[in-house]
Amino acid sequence: MSNLIKEPGSRLGVVKTIANQMGGFTKSYAVAFKDVAIVSVWTFIFIYGAYALLKKRDL
């Protein structure tokens, strides 16, 4: 979870003005397919496990 936003300081006004004066500031927030696949698998496991538990307990 700590690596979701690697540089939150870039949102500060001081950092933006310094970056503009030095010639630009580009940041890529691309998400790899592997990360999306891992999150999808864990989400499926959690939802299916909750469904199976509820069905087992007949709630």
N, C-alpha and C. Protein backbone atom coordinates (compact mmCIF):
# COMPACT_ATOMS: atom_id res chain seq x y z
N MET A 1 0.82 -1.20 0.00
CA MET A 1 0.00 0.00 0.00
C MET A 1 0.86 1.26 0.00
N SER A 2 2.06 1.19 0.54
CA SER A 2 2.87 2.40 0.63
C SER A 2 3.44 2.82 -0.72
N ASN A 3 3.44 1.94 -1.70
CA ASN A 3 3.99 2.27 -3.01
C ASN A 3 2.93 2.72 -4.01
N LEU A 4 1.71 2.93 -3.58
CA LEU A 4 0.69 3.36 -4.52
C LEU A 4 0.98 4.74 -5.08
N ILE A 5 1.37 5.66 -4.23
CA ILE A 5 1.78 6.99 -4.67
C ILE A 5 3.20 7.18 -4.18
N LYS A 6 4.14 7.10 -5.09
CA LYS A 6 5.54 7.11 -4.69
C LYS A 6 6.04 8.50 -4.35
N GLU A 7 5.39 9.53 -4.87
CA GLU A 7 5.88 10.88 -4.63
C GLU A 7 4.71 11.83 -4.37
N PRO A 8 4.11 11.79 -3.20
CA PRO A 8 2.99 12.68 -2.94
C PRO A 8 3.40 14.14 -2.77
N GLY A 9 4.69 14.40 -2.58
CA GLY A 9 5.17 15.77 -2.42
C GLY A 9 5.06 16.60 -3.68
N SER A 10 4.87 15.95 -4.82
CA SER A 10 4.80 16.69 -6.08
C SER A 10 3.50 17.48 -6.20
N ARG A 11 2.57 17.26 -5.31
CA ARG A 11 1.32 18.01 -5.34
C ARG A 11 1.44 19.36 -4.66
N LEU A 12 2.51 19.60 -3.95
CA LEU A 12 2.70 20.87 -3.26
C LEU A 12 2.98 21.99 -4.26
N GLY A 13 2.50 23.17 -3.96
CA GLY A 13 2.68 24.31 -4.84
C GLY A 13 4.13 24.69 -5.04
N VAL A 14 4.94 24.59 -4.00
CA VAL A 14 6.36 24.94 -4.09
C VAL A 14 7.07 24.01 -5.05
N VAL A 15 6.77 22.73 -4.97
CA VAL A 15 7.41 21.76 -5.85
C VAL A 15 6.99 22.01 -7.30
N LYS A 16 5.73 22.36 -7.52
CA LYS A 16 5.26 22.64 -8.88
C LYS A 16 5.97 23.85 -9.48
N THR A 17 6.13 24.91 -8.70
CA THR A 17 6.78 26.10 -9.24
C THR A 17 8.26 25.85 -9.53
N ILE A 18 8.93 25.11 -8.69
CA ILE A 18 10.34 24.79 -8.93
C ILE A 18 10.48 23.90 -10.16
N ALA A 19 9.59 22.95 -10.31
CA ALA A 19 9.64 22.05 -11.47
C ALA A 19 9.38 22.82 -12.76
N ASN A 20 8.46 23.77 -12.74
CA ASN A 20 8.18 24.56 -13.93
C ASN A 20 9.38 25.44 -14.30
N GLN A 21 10.09 25.96 -13.32
CA GLN A 21 11.25 26.80 -13.58
C GLN A 21 12.42 25.99 -14.11
N MET A 22 12.51 24.73 -13.74
CA MET A 22 13.64 23.90 -14.16
C MET A 22 13.37 23.20 -15.49
N GLY A 23 12.23 23.40 -16.10
CA GLY A 23 12.03 22.86 -17.44
C GLY A 23 11.00 21.76 -17.55
N GLY A 24 10.20 21.57 -16.60
CA GLY A 24 9.12 20.59 -16.73
C GLY A 24 9.16 19.51 -15.68
N PHE A 25 8.06 18.88 -15.56
CA PHE A 25 7.91 17.84 -14.55
C PHE A 25 6.89 16.83 -15.06
N THR A 26 7.36 15.69 -15.51
CA THR A 26 6.44 14.66 -16.02
C THR A 26 6.50 13.45 -15.10
N LYS A 27 5.36 12.90 -14.85
CA LYS A 27 5.25 11.73 -13.98
C LYS A 27 4.28 10.75 -14.61
N SER A 28 4.64 9.49 -14.66
CA SER A 28 3.77 8.48 -15.24
C SER A 28 3.13 7.67 -14.11
N TYR A 29 1.83 7.57 -14.15
CA TYR A 29 1.10 6.78 -13.16
C TYR A 29 0.49 5.55 -13.81
N ALA A 30 1.20 4.95 -14.74
CA ALA A 30 0.72 3.76 -15.44
C ALA A 30 0.67 2.57 -14.48
N VAL A 31 -0.29 1.70 -14.72
CA VAL A 31 -0.46 0.50 -13.90
C VAL A 31 -0.19 -0.71 -14.79
N ALA A 32 0.66 -1.59 -14.34
CA ALA A 32 1.01 -2.78 -15.12
C ALA A 32 -0.13 -3.78 -15.10
N PHE A 33 -0.24 -4.55 -16.17
CA PHE A 33 -1.29 -5.56 -16.27
C PHE A 33 -1.15 -6.60 -15.16
N LYS A 34 0.10 -6.92 -14.80
CA LYS A 34 0.34 -7.91 -13.75
C LYS A 34 -0.30 -7.48 -12.43
N ASP A 35 -0.19 -6.20 -12.10
CA ASP A 35 -0.78 -5.69 -10.86
C ASP A 35 -2.31 -5.78 -10.88
N VAL A 36 -2.89 -5.47 -12.03
CA VAL A 36 -4.35 -5.56 -12.16
C VAL A 36 -4.79 -7.01 -12.03
N ALA A 37 -4.04 -7.93 -12.61
CA ALA A 37 -4.38 -9.35 -12.53
C ALA A 37 -4.29 -9.86 -11.09
N ILE A 38 -3.27 -9.46 -10.37
CA ILE A 38 -3.12 -9.89 -8.97
C ILE A 38 -4.27 -9.38 -8.12
N VAL A 39 -4.63 -8.11 -8.29
CA VAL A 39 -5.75 -7.54 -7.53
C VAL A 39 -7.06 -8.25 -7.89
N SER A 40 -7.24 -8.57 -9.16
CA SER A 40 -8.47 -9.26 -9.58
C SER A 40 -8.57 -10.65 -8.96
N VAL A 41 -7.46 -11.37 -8.93
CA VAL A 41 -7.47 -12.72 -8.34
C VAL A 41 -7.77 -12.65 -6.85
N TRP A 42 -7.13 -11.73 -6.13
CA TRP A 42 -7.39 -11.62 -4.69
C TRP A 42 -8.83 -11.18 -4.42
N THR A 43 -9.37 -10.31 -5.25
CA THR A 43 -10.76 -9.88 -5.09
C THR A 43 -11.70 -11.05 -5.29
N PHE A 44 -11.43 -11.86 -6.32
CA PHE A 44 -12.27 -13.04 -6.57
C PHE A 44 -12.19 -14.01 -5.40
N ILE A 45 -10.99 -14.25 -4.90
CA ILE A 45 -10.83 -15.18 -3.76
C ILE A 45 -11.62 -14.67 -2.56
N PHE A 46 -11.53 -13.39 -2.26
CA PHE A 46 -12.23 -12.84 -1.11
C PHE A 46 -13.74 -12.93 -1.28
N ILE A 47 -14.26 -12.54 -2.43
CA ILE A 47 -15.72 -12.56 -2.65
C ILE A 47 -16.23 -13.99 -2.65
N TYR A 48 -15.52 -14.90 -3.32
CA TYR A 48 -15.97 -16.29 -3.34
C TYR A 48 -15.89 -16.91 -1.95
N GLY A 49 -14.84 -16.58 -1.21
CA GLY A 49 -14.72 -17.11 0.15
C GLY A 49 -15.83 -16.60 1.05
N ALA A 50 -16.19 -15.34 0.94
CA ALA A 50 -17.29 -14.79 1.73
C ALA A 50 -18.61 -15.45 1.34
N TYR A 51 -18.81 -15.65 0.03
CA TYR A 51 -20.03 -16.31 -0.44
C TYR A 51 -20.11 -17.75 0.08
N ALA A 52 -19.01 -18.48 0.00
CA ALA A 52 -18.99 -19.86 0.47
C ALA A 52 -19.24 -19.93 1.96
N LEU A 53 -18.67 -19.00 2.72
CA LEU A 53 -18.88 -18.99 4.17
C LEU A 53 -20.33 -18.70 4.51
N LEU A 54 -20.94 -17.74 3.81
CA LEU A 54 -22.35 -17.43 4.06
C LEU A 54 -23.25 -18.60 3.67
N LYS A 55 -22.92 -19.25 2.57
CA LYS A 55 -23.73 -20.39 2.14
C LYS A 55 -23.59 -21.55 3.12
N LYS A 56 -22.39 -21.77 3.65
CA LYS A 56 -22.14 -22.84 4.60
C LYS A 56 -22.93 -22.61 5.89
N ARG A 57 -22.97 -21.37 6.34
CA ARG A 57 -23.67 -21.04 7.58
C ARG A 57 -25.16 -20.81 7.38
N ASP A 58 -25.59 -20.83 6.13
CA ASP A 58 -26.99 -20.68 5.78
C ASP A 58 -27.59 -19.40 6.33
N LEU A 59 -26.91 -18.29 6.04
CA LEU A 59 -27.40 -16.99 6.51
C LEU A 59 -28.15 -16.28 5.40
